[in-house]
Amino acid sequence: MRVLGVDPGSRVTGFGLVEKEDNTTTYIHSGIIRSSTKIEFYKRIHGIFESLVDIIHRYRPEEMAIEDQFYAKNVQSALKLGHARAAALIAAGQCGISLFEYTPLEVKKAVVGYGRAEKVQVREMVKVILRIREQPALDASDALAVAICHCNWSRFEGIRRGVK
């Protein structure tokens, strides 16, 4: 199963692709979608959507896992984050792939074992789990963590249903 993890943001959206086969999770690709604050907001959101559609067409994930909005420092930030999330949700719908949402607490517990872990701790555990040497951007490692979380959760769900 190939999974696209997404860590949405209106200025920087992280993405990461992993492949889960049997009990092995393998790193495929990751990166960030950076949006300039100098262009209109709706164009930034559209750019996130287009970039994710391109990534989906190029790497052909079967499922998308996205970090759920948990909290924001203010209403304006929450709205902007919601728009970025919506761009990712619509990209999944447009491309016909299944979508799963996880809270930051669930993602951190799945990857680090501690729900209040810092971004740097998450990145280091992602590198260990996926056996990668490169230092991914923090937003990309967060997206990879979401994908890993989904792989772990879907494995658990499969065991509960009797599927391997």
N, C-alpha and C. Protein backbone atom coordinates (compact mmCIF):
# COMPACT_ATOMS: atom_id res chain seq x y z
N MET A 1 0.84 -1.17 0.00
CA MET A 1 0.00 0.00 0.00
C MET A 1 0.89 1.24 0.00
N ARG A 2 0.64 2.15 -0.92
CA ARG A 2 1.38 3.40 -0.99
C ARG A 2 0.52 4.51 -0.38
N VAL A 3 1.12 5.28 0.54
CA VAL A 3 0.39 6.31 1.28
C VAL A 3 1.06 7.66 1.09
N LEU A 4 0.25 8.67 0.84
CA LEU A 4 0.70 10.06 0.79
C LEU A 4 0.29 10.72 2.10
N GLY A 5 1.26 11.17 2.87
CA GLY A 5 0.98 11.91 4.09
C GLY A 5 1.08 13.40 3.80
N VAL A 6 0.18 14.19 4.41
CA VAL A 6 0.16 15.63 4.17
C VAL A 6 0.09 16.36 5.50
N ASP A 7 0.96 17.34 5.65
CA ASP A 7 0.94 18.27 6.78
C ASP A 7 0.60 19.64 6.20
N PRO A 8 -0.69 20.01 6.25
CA PRO A 8 -1.13 21.22 5.55
C PRO A 8 -0.70 22.51 6.23
N GLY A 9 -0.47 23.52 5.42
CA GLY A 9 -0.17 24.86 5.89
C GLY A 9 -0.37 25.83 4.75
N SER A 10 -0.79 27.05 5.03
CA SER A 10 -1.05 28.01 3.95
C SER A 10 0.24 28.57 3.35
N ARG A 11 1.32 28.55 4.13
CA ARG A 11 2.61 29.00 3.58
C ARG A 11 3.50 27.83 3.19
N VAL A 12 3.51 26.77 4.01
CA VAL A 12 4.32 25.58 3.71
C VAL A 12 3.46 24.35 4.00
N THR A 13 3.30 23.53 2.98
CA THR A 13 2.60 22.26 3.11
C THR A 13 3.62 21.15 2.91
N GLY A 14 3.73 20.27 3.88
CA GLY A 14 4.64 19.15 3.76
C GLY A 14 3.93 17.95 3.15
N PHE A 15 4.68 17.15 2.40
CA PHE A 15 4.14 15.90 1.87
C PHE A 15 5.19 14.82 1.97
N GLY A 16 4.74 13.59 2.12
CA GLY A 16 5.65 12.46 2.20
C GLY A 16 4.98 11.20 1.73
N LEU A 17 5.71 10.41 0.97
CA LEU A 17 5.17 9.15 0.45
C LEU A 17 5.94 7.98 1.02
N VAL A 18 5.19 6.99 1.48
CA VAL A 18 5.78 5.75 1.98
C VAL A 18 5.04 4.57 1.37
N GLU A 19 5.72 3.45 1.36
CA GLU A 19 5.13 2.20 0.87
C GLU A 19 5.14 1.21 2.02
N LYS A 20 3.99 0.60 2.27
CA LYS A 20 3.88 -0.41 3.34
C LYS A 20 3.65 -1.75 2.68
N GLU A 21 4.58 -2.67 2.92
CA GLU A 21 4.46 -4.03 2.40
C GLU A 21 4.82 -4.98 3.53
N ASP A 22 3.90 -5.87 3.86
CA ASP A 22 4.04 -6.76 5.00
C ASP A 22 4.28 -5.90 6.25
N ASN A 23 5.39 -6.09 6.94
CA ASN A 23 5.68 -5.29 8.13
C ASN A 23 6.77 -4.25 7.88
N THR A 24 7.01 -3.93 6.62
CA THR A 24 8.07 -2.99 6.28
C THR A 24 7.48 -1.72 5.67
N THR A 25 7.89 -0.58 6.20
CA THR A 25 7.49 0.71 5.66
C THR A 25 8.73 1.33 5.02
N THR A 26 8.61 1.68 3.74
CA THR A 26 9.73 2.17 2.96
C THR A 26 9.49 3.61 2.51
N TYR A 27 10.52 4.40 2.61
CA TYR A 27 10.48 5.80 2.16
C TYR A 27 10.49 5.85 0.63
N ILE A 28 9.59 6.65 0.06
CA ILE A 28 9.54 6.85 -1.39
C ILE A 28 10.04 8.24 -1.77
N HIS A 29 9.40 9.27 -1.20
CA HIS A 29 9.74 10.65 -1.56
C HIS A 29 9.08 11.60 -0.56
N SER A 30 9.66 12.78 -0.40
CA SER A 30 9.03 13.79 0.45
C SER A 30 9.48 15.17 0.01
N GLY A 31 8.80 16.18 0.50
CA GLY A 31 9.17 17.54 0.17
C GLY A 31 8.18 18.53 0.75
N ILE A 32 8.33 19.76 0.32
CA ILE A 32 7.42 20.81 0.77
C ILE A 32 6.87 21.56 -0.43
N ILE A 33 5.69 22.09 -0.25
CA ILE A 33 5.07 22.98 -1.22
C ILE A 33 5.08 24.35 -0.56
N ARG A 34 5.92 25.22 -1.07
CA ARG A 34 6.06 26.55 -0.47
C ARG A 34 5.24 27.55 -1.29
N SER A 35 4.46 28.34 -0.58
CA SER A 35 3.61 29.35 -1.22
C SER A 35 4.08 30.73 -0.80
N SER A 36 4.33 31.58 -1.77
CA SER A 36 4.79 32.94 -1.49
C SER A 36 3.66 33.77 -0.90
N THR A 37 3.98 34.51 0.14
CA THR A 37 2.99 35.40 0.75
C THR A 37 2.76 36.64 -0.11
N LYS A 38 3.52 36.78 -1.18
CA LYS A 38 3.38 37.94 -2.06
C LYS A 38 2.25 37.77 -3.09
N ILE A 39 1.76 36.54 -3.23
CA ILE A 39 0.65 36.33 -4.16
C ILE A 39 -0.66 36.21 -3.37
N GLU A 40 -1.75 36.43 -4.06
CA GLU A 40 -3.06 36.41 -3.40
C GLU A 40 -3.31 35.05 -2.76
N PHE A 41 -4.04 35.11 -1.65
CA PHE A 41 -4.26 33.91 -0.85
C PHE A 41 -4.93 32.80 -1.67
N TYR A 42 -5.97 33.14 -2.42
CA TYR A 42 -6.67 32.11 -3.18
C TYR A 42 -5.76 31.43 -4.20
N LYS A 43 -4.79 32.15 -4.72
CA LYS A 43 -3.84 31.55 -5.66
C LYS A 43 -2.88 30.62 -4.93
N ARG A 44 -2.51 30.96 -3.70
CA ARG A 44 -1.67 30.06 -2.89
C ARG A 44 -2.40 28.76 -2.63
N ILE A 45 -3.67 28.85 -2.26
CA ILE A 45 -4.45 27.65 -1.98
C ILE A 45 -4.61 26.81 -3.25
N HIS A 46 -4.87 27.47 -4.36
CA HIS A 46 -4.99 26.74 -5.62
C HIS A 46 -3.67 26.06 -5.98
N GLY A 47 -2.55 26.71 -5.69
CA GLY A 47 -1.24 26.11 -5.94
C GLY A 47 -1.01 24.86 -5.11
N ILE A 48 -1.47 24.86 -3.86
CA ILE A 48 -1.37 23.66 -3.01
C ILE A 48 -2.16 22.53 -3.65
N PHE A 49 -3.39 22.83 -4.06
CA PHE A 49 -4.25 21.84 -4.71
C PHE A 49 -3.57 21.27 -5.95
N GLU A 50 -3.10 22.13 -6.84
CA GLU A 50 -2.47 21.67 -8.08
C GLU A 50 -1.22 20.84 -7.81
N SER A 51 -0.41 21.27 -6.85
CA SER A 51 0.81 20.54 -6.53
C SER A 51 0.48 19.14 -6.00
N LEU A 52 -0.51 19.04 -5.15
CA LEU A 52 -0.88 17.73 -4.60
C LEU A 52 -1.47 16.83 -5.69
N VAL A 53 -2.26 17.38 -6.59
CA VAL A 53 -2.78 16.59 -7.71
C VAL A 53 -1.62 16.06 -8.55
N ASP A 54 -0.64 16.90 -8.83
CA ASP A 54 0.55 16.47 -9.59
C ASP A 54 1.29 15.35 -8.86
N ILE A 55 1.47 15.49 -7.56
CA ILE A 55 2.16 14.46 -6.76
C ILE A 55 1.38 13.16 -6.80
N ILE A 56 0.06 13.24 -6.67
CA ILE A 56 -0.78 12.04 -6.71
C ILE A 56 -0.67 11.36 -8.07
N HIS A 57 -0.73 12.13 -9.14
CA HIS A 57 -0.61 11.54 -10.48
C HIS A 57 0.77 10.93 -10.72
N ARG A 58 1.80 11.56 -10.19
CA ARG A 58 3.16 11.07 -10.40
C ARG A 58 3.48 9.80 -9.60
N TYR A 59 3.08 9.78 -8.32
CA TYR A 59 3.48 8.68 -7.44
C TYR A 59 2.38 7.64 -7.20
N ARG A 60 1.17 7.92 -7.59
CA ARG A 60 0.05 6.98 -7.51
C ARG A 60 -0.18 6.36 -6.13
N PRO A 61 -0.33 7.18 -5.09
CA PRO A 61 -0.66 6.60 -3.78
C PRO A 61 -2.08 6.04 -3.81
N GLU A 62 -2.30 5.04 -2.98
CA GLU A 62 -3.63 4.44 -2.89
C GLU A 62 -4.49 5.17 -1.86
N GLU A 63 -3.80 5.78 -0.87
CA GLU A 63 -4.52 6.47 0.20
C GLU A 63 -3.76 7.73 0.60
N MET A 64 -4.51 8.69 1.14
CA MET A 64 -3.91 9.91 1.67
C MET A 64 -4.24 10.00 3.15
N ALA A 65 -3.23 10.36 3.94
CA ALA A 65 -3.43 10.61 5.37
C ALA A 65 -3.06 12.07 5.61
N ILE A 66 -3.90 12.77 6.33
CA ILE A 66 -3.67 14.20 6.55
C ILE A 66 -3.79 14.51 8.03
N GLU A 67 -2.98 15.47 8.45
CA GLU A 67 -3.06 15.89 9.85
C GLU A 67 -4.32 16.73 10.02
N ASP A 68 -5.10 16.37 11.01
CA ASP A 68 -6.34 17.06 11.32
C ASP A 68 -6.03 18.35 12.05
N GLN A 69 -6.85 19.35 11.81
CA GLN A 69 -6.68 20.62 12.51
C GLN A 69 -7.00 20.41 13.98
N PHE A 70 -6.05 20.73 14.82
CA PHE A 70 -6.20 20.48 16.26
C PHE A 70 -6.46 21.78 17.00
N TYR A 71 -5.64 22.76 16.75
CA TYR A 71 -5.82 24.08 17.35
C TYR A 71 -5.04 25.10 16.54
N ALA A 72 -5.36 26.34 16.74
CA ALA A 72 -4.61 27.42 16.09
C ALA A 72 -4.49 28.56 17.09
N LYS A 73 -3.47 29.36 16.89
CA LYS A 73 -3.22 30.46 17.83
C LYS A 73 -4.29 31.53 17.77
N ASN A 74 -4.89 31.70 16.60
CA ASN A 74 -5.99 32.66 16.49
C ASN A 74 -6.94 32.24 15.38
N VAL A 75 -8.07 32.91 15.30
CA VAL A 75 -9.10 32.54 14.34
C VAL A 75 -8.59 32.67 12.92
N GLN A 76 -7.86 33.72 12.62
CA GLN A 76 -7.34 33.93 11.27
C GLN A 76 -6.42 32.77 10.86
N SER A 77 -5.55 32.33 11.76
CA SER A 77 -4.66 31.20 11.48
C SER A 77 -5.47 29.93 11.24
N ALA A 78 -6.49 29.72 12.05
CA ALA A 78 -7.33 28.52 11.90
C ALA A 78 -8.03 28.51 10.55
N LEU A 79 -8.52 29.66 10.12
CA LEU A 79 -9.19 29.73 8.83
C LEU A 79 -8.22 29.45 7.68
N LYS A 80 -7.03 30.03 7.75
CA LYS A 80 -6.04 29.80 6.69
C LYS A 80 -5.62 28.33 6.65
N LEU A 81 -5.42 27.74 7.81
CA LEU A 81 -5.08 26.32 7.86
C LEU A 81 -6.22 25.47 7.30
N GLY A 82 -7.44 25.85 7.62
CA GLY A 82 -8.61 25.14 7.09
C GLY A 82 -8.67 25.18 5.57
N HIS A 83 -8.32 26.31 4.99
CA HIS A 83 -8.29 26.42 3.53
C HIS A 83 -7.23 25.50 2.93
N ALA A 84 -6.06 25.46 3.55
CA ALA A 84 -4.99 24.58 3.05
C ALA A 84 -5.40 23.11 3.16
N ARG A 85 -6.04 22.76 4.27
CA ARG A 85 -6.55 21.39 4.43
C ARG A 85 -7.58 21.07 3.35
N ALA A 86 -8.46 22.04 3.09
CA ALA A 86 -9.50 21.83 2.08
C ALA A 86 -8.88 21.58 0.71
N ALA A 87 -7.80 22.28 0.38
CA ALA A 87 -7.12 22.05 -0.90
C ALA A 87 -6.65 20.61 -1.00
N ALA A 88 -6.10 20.08 0.10
CA ALA A 88 -5.63 18.69 0.11
C ALA A 88 -6.81 17.72 0.03
N LEU A 89 -7.88 18.00 0.75
CA LEU A 89 -9.06 17.13 0.73
C LEU A 89 -9.65 17.06 -0.67
N ILE A 90 -9.74 18.21 -1.32
CA ILE A 90 -10.30 18.25 -2.68
C ILE A 90 -9.37 17.53 -3.66
N ALA A 91 -8.07 17.65 -3.48
CA ALA A 91 -7.13 16.94 -4.36
C ALA A 91 -7.34 15.43 -4.24
N ALA A 92 -7.52 14.95 -3.01
CA ALA A 92 -7.78 13.51 -2.83
C ALA A 92 -9.08 13.11 -3.51
N GLY A 93 -10.12 13.92 -3.32
CA GLY A 93 -11.40 13.63 -3.96
C GLY A 93 -11.32 13.67 -5.47
N GLN A 94 -10.63 14.66 -6.00
CA GLN A 94 -10.47 14.80 -7.45
C GLN A 94 -9.77 13.57 -8.04
N CYS A 95 -8.79 13.05 -7.31
CA CYS A 95 -7.99 11.93 -7.81
C CYS A 95 -8.56 10.56 -7.41
N GLY A 96 -9.63 10.56 -6.62
CA GLY A 96 -10.30 9.31 -6.26
C GLY A 96 -9.54 8.43 -5.29
N ILE A 97 -8.75 9.03 -4.40
CA ILE A 97 -8.06 8.20 -3.41
C ILE A 97 -8.71 8.38 -2.05
N SER A 98 -8.65 7.35 -1.24
CA SER A 98 -9.24 7.37 0.09
C SER A 98 -8.46 8.32 0.98
N LEU A 99 -9.17 8.96 1.90
CA LEU A 99 -8.58 9.95 2.77
C LEU A 99 -8.82 9.58 4.23
N PHE A 100 -7.77 9.74 5.05
CA PHE A 100 -7.85 9.44 6.48
C PHE A 100 -7.24 10.60 7.25
N GLU A 101 -7.83 10.95 8.39
CA GLU A 101 -7.38 12.09 9.18
C GLU A 101 -6.91 11.64 10.55
N TYR A 102 -5.81 12.26 11.02
CA TYR A 102 -5.23 11.94 12.32
C TYR A 102 -4.87 13.23 13.04
N THR A 103 -5.11 13.26 14.33
CA THR A 103 -4.75 14.44 15.11
C THR A 103 -3.23 14.46 15.32
N PRO A 104 -2.67 15.64 15.59
CA PRO A 104 -1.23 15.71 15.88
C PRO A 104 -0.85 14.79 17.05
N LEU A 105 -1.70 14.67 18.04
CA LEU A 105 -1.44 13.79 19.18
C LEU A 105 -1.32 12.33 18.74
N GLU A 106 -2.23 11.88 17.88
CA GLU A 106 -2.19 10.51 17.38
C GLU A 106 -0.92 10.25 16.57
N VAL A 107 -0.55 11.22 15.74
CA VAL A 107 0.63 11.07 14.90
C VAL A 107 1.89 10.98 15.76
N LYS A 108 2.03 11.87 16.71
CA LYS A 108 3.22 11.89 17.57
C LYS A 108 3.30 10.63 18.41
N LYS A 109 2.19 10.15 18.92
CA LYS A 109 2.19 8.92 19.71
C LYS A 109 2.59 7.72 18.85
N ALA A 110 2.11 7.70 17.61
CA ALA A 110 2.42 6.59 16.72
C ALA A 110 3.88 6.54 16.33
N VAL A 111 4.51 7.71 16.21
CA VAL A 111 5.89 7.77 15.71
C VAL A 111 6.91 7.86 16.83
N VAL A 112 6.63 8.69 17.83
CA VAL A 112 7.60 8.93 18.91
C VAL A 112 7.22 8.18 20.18
N GLY A 113 5.92 7.90 20.35
CA GLY A 113 5.47 7.25 21.58
C GLY A 113 5.04 8.24 22.64
N TYR A 114 5.11 9.53 22.29
CA TYR A 114 4.77 10.60 23.23
C TYR A 114 4.01 11.68 22.46
N GLY A 115 2.79 11.97 22.87
CA GLY A 115 1.92 12.88 22.14
C GLY A 115 2.30 14.35 22.16
N ARG A 116 3.25 14.72 23.01
CA ARG A 116 3.66 16.13 23.09
C ARG A 116 5.09 16.32 22.56
N ALA A 117 5.54 15.40 21.73
CA ALA A 117 6.90 15.46 21.19
C ALA A 117 7.09 16.71 20.33
N GLU A 118 8.31 17.20 20.30
CA GLU A 118 8.67 18.36 19.49
C GLU A 118 8.90 17.92 18.04
N LYS A 119 8.84 18.89 17.12
CA LYS A 119 9.03 18.59 15.69
C LYS A 119 10.36 17.91 15.41
N VAL A 120 11.41 18.33 16.08
CA VAL A 120 12.73 17.74 15.86
C VAL A 120 12.75 16.28 16.30
N GLN A 121 12.08 15.95 17.40
CA GLN A 121 11.99 14.57 17.85
C GLN A 121 11.25 13.72 16.82
N VAL A 122 10.17 14.27 16.27
CA VAL A 122 9.41 13.55 15.25
C VAL A 122 10.30 13.29 14.04
N ARG A 123 11.03 14.30 13.60
CA ARG A 123 11.90 14.12 12.44
C ARG A 123 12.94 13.03 12.68
N GLU A 124 13.56 13.02 13.85
CA GLU A 124 14.58 12.02 14.13
C GLU A 124 13.99 10.60 14.14
N MET A 125 12.80 10.44 14.69
CA MET A 125 12.17 9.11 14.70
C MET A 125 11.75 8.69 13.29
N VAL A 126 11.27 9.64 12.49
CA VAL A 126 10.91 9.34 11.10
C VAL A 126 12.14 8.82 10.36
N LYS A 127 13.28 9.47 10.57
CA LYS A 127 14.52 9.02 9.93
C LYS A 127 14.89 7.60 10.35
N VAL A 128 14.71 7.29 11.62
CA VAL A 128 15.03 5.95 12.12
C VAL A 128 14.05 4.92 11.54
N ILE A 129 12.76 5.21 11.61
CA ILE A 129 11.74 4.27 11.14
C ILE A 129 11.89 3.97 9.66
N LEU A 130 12.15 5.03 8.87
CA LEU A 130 12.23 4.86 7.42
C LEU A 130 13.65 4.59 6.92
N ARG A 131 14.61 4.57 7.86
CA ARG A 131 16.00 4.29 7.53
C ARG A 131 16.51 5.25 6.43
N ILE A 132 16.30 6.55 6.65
CA ILE A 132 16.79 7.54 5.70
C ILE A 132 17.89 8.38 6.36
N ARG A 133 18.85 8.75 5.58
CA ARG A 133 19.98 9.52 6.10
C ARG A 133 19.78 11.02 5.92
N GLU A 134 19.05 11.37 4.89
CA GLU A 134 18.86 12.80 4.62
C GLU A 134 18.06 13.46 5.73
N GLN A 135 18.20 14.75 5.81
CA GLN A 135 17.51 15.54 6.84
C GLN A 135 16.31 16.21 6.15
N PRO A 136 15.13 15.60 6.21
CA PRO A 136 13.99 16.24 5.55
C PRO A 136 13.60 17.53 6.27
N ALA A 137 12.96 18.43 5.53
CA ALA A 137 12.41 19.64 6.14
C ALA A 137 11.42 19.21 7.23
N LEU A 138 11.26 20.04 8.25
CA LEU A 138 10.37 19.67 9.36
C LEU A 138 8.95 19.39 8.89
N ASP A 139 8.44 20.20 7.97
CA ASP A 139 7.08 19.96 7.48
C ASP A 139 6.99 18.67 6.67
N ALA A 140 8.04 18.33 5.94
CA ALA A 140 8.06 17.07 5.19
C ALA A 140 8.13 15.89 6.15
N SER A 141 8.94 16.01 7.21
CA SER A 141 9.02 14.90 8.17
C SER A 141 7.71 14.75 8.93
N ASP A 142 7.00 15.85 9.18
CA ASP A 142 5.67 15.75 9.80
C ASP A 142 4.71 15.00 8.88
N ALA A 143 4.78 15.28 7.58
CA ALA A 143 3.93 14.59 6.62
C ALA A 143 4.27 13.09 6.56
N LEU A 144 5.56 12.77 6.59
CA LEU A 144 5.98 11.36 6.63
C LEU A 144 5.46 10.69 7.90
N ALA A 145 5.48 11.43 9.01
CA ALA A 145 4.97 10.89 10.27
C ALA A 145 3.47 10.58 10.16
N VAL A 146 2.72 11.43 9.48
CA VAL A 146 1.29 11.17 9.28
C VAL A 146 1.11 9.89 8.46
N ALA A 147 1.92 9.73 7.42
CA ALA A 147 1.84 8.52 6.59
C ALA A 147 2.19 7.27 7.40
N ILE A 148 3.23 7.37 8.23
CA ILE A 148 3.62 6.23 9.09
C ILE A 148 2.49 5.91 10.05
N CYS A 149 1.91 6.93 10.66
CA CYS A 149 0.79 6.74 11.57
C CYS A 149 -0.33 5.98 10.87
N HIS A 150 -0.65 6.38 9.66
CA HIS A 150 -1.71 5.70 8.91
C HIS A 150 -1.36 4.25 8.63
N CYS A 151 -0.13 4.00 8.24
CA CYS A 151 0.29 2.62 7.98
C CYS A 151 0.13 1.76 9.23
N ASN A 152 0.51 2.30 10.37
CA ASN A 152 0.37 1.57 11.64
C ASN A 152 -1.10 1.35 11.97
N TRP A 153 -1.91 2.37 11.81
CA TRP A 153 -3.33 2.27 12.14
C TRP A 153 -4.03 1.30 11.19
N SER A 154 -3.73 1.37 9.90
CA SER A 154 -4.40 0.49 8.94
C SER A 154 -4.00 -0.96 9.18
N ARG A 155 -2.77 -1.19 9.64
CA ARG A 155 -2.34 -2.55 10.00
C ARG A 155 -3.17 -3.05 11.17
N PHE A 156 -3.39 -2.19 12.17
CA PHE A 156 -4.18 -2.55 13.33
C PHE A 156 -5.62 -2.84 12.92
N GLU A 157 -6.17 -2.00 12.08
CA GLU A 157 -7.54 -2.19 11.61
C GLU A 157 -7.64 -3.51 10.84
N GLY A 158 -6.62 -3.82 10.02
CA GLY A 158 -6.62 -5.07 9.26
C GLY A 158 -6.60 -6.28 10.17
N ILE A 159 -5.81 -6.22 11.25
CA ILE A 159 -5.74 -7.32 12.20
C ILE A 159 -7.09 -7.50 12.88
N ARG A 160 -7.72 -6.40 13.25
CA ARG A 160 -9.02 -6.46 13.91
C ARG A 160 -10.07 -7.08 13.00
N ARG A 161 -9.97 -6.83 11.69
CA ARG A 161 -10.93 -7.38 10.76
C ARG A 161 -10.52 -8.76 10.25
N GLY A 162 -9.34 -9.23 10.64
CA GLY A 162 -8.87 -10.53 10.18
C GLY A 162 -8.18 -10.47 8.83
N VAL A 163 -7.83 -9.28 8.36
CA VAL A 163 -7.16 -9.10 7.08
C VAL A 163 -5.67 -8.95 7.32
N LYS A 164 -4.85 -9.48 6.43
CA LYS A 164 -3.39 -9.32 6.56
C LYS A 164 -2.85 -8.43 5.50
